[in-house]
């Protein structure tokens, strides 16, 4: 569950994580009025990079574990009553997006006991778009040859991935003229969008499928698995999956290096200066090879 139409640099926002943790992002005055212990928001940005405005307008993240006995016990609980009264009286109303899903990733219907709560239902319908007579780069052939080359050329790999990322951006933005190599007038723009690193095939066809909404992680994993399978059995020469997270979410996830379980992640801050645009692209190739491309922010570590 995530707040809708609330900028990440606003004073108040909220998120409910799949783990059952309710996160509240509040300003300094509201934090003092609530009287609930939290932690400072903005620690991911180095202190010498924070503006004077940010330092004065310090915000805090309050974490409430709704799965704990404090909130699940049906008996009278003074702490839970105090928290509920504080939230109702001190926080502004927020419009939230909520999703529920089964273990396989399929969406579930949410039943609300409070009939007075205003709500709307959104269907996750796929929208398919086909581009005909476009230039298609042979990414599978290029990276297969690069893999067989004993001399690893890091600069060549980096440049090719940048060009592939840009070309996938043309597809996502539906820039049909550039995909067909119809260059705009030089007076308007000199950008051609042609990936010079790859051999390209003309008069090709590209199909994209797009879902919009609050998508559950298992749903995204299912899509990635299906694209991988289509590439492995030869239905597709290669494929790409791009996931755009909500840019105004104030937390994101990274692998937990201290955990022995590969699937376990840890929470970290997200903002305009950290974790980029909160998106990633998986470029899926044959032989179980893939590249993960991500737009980073100025304060993200790349090592």
Foldseek 3Di string as FASTA:
>chain_A
DWFPPDFLPDAWTWDQDPQQKIKIKHWPVLCVQLVADFAWADPLDDPVPDDPVCVVGIITIGIDRCPDCQNPPPDDHPVVVSNVVSCVPRPDDTDDADWDADPLQHTDDDDDPDPVDDDDDDDWDKDKDKAWFFKAFLPQVLVVVQVPDPDRDPVLVVLQVVLVVLLVVCVVVVVNCLRNQNDDDVVVPPDNSDRPSTDIDGRDMDMDMDTDGDGDPSNLVVVVVVQLVCCAVPVDQWDKDKDQDQQSDQKDWDADPVDPDRPDIDIDTHHCQAQHRRMWMWTGHYPRDIDIDGGGHNSYDPD
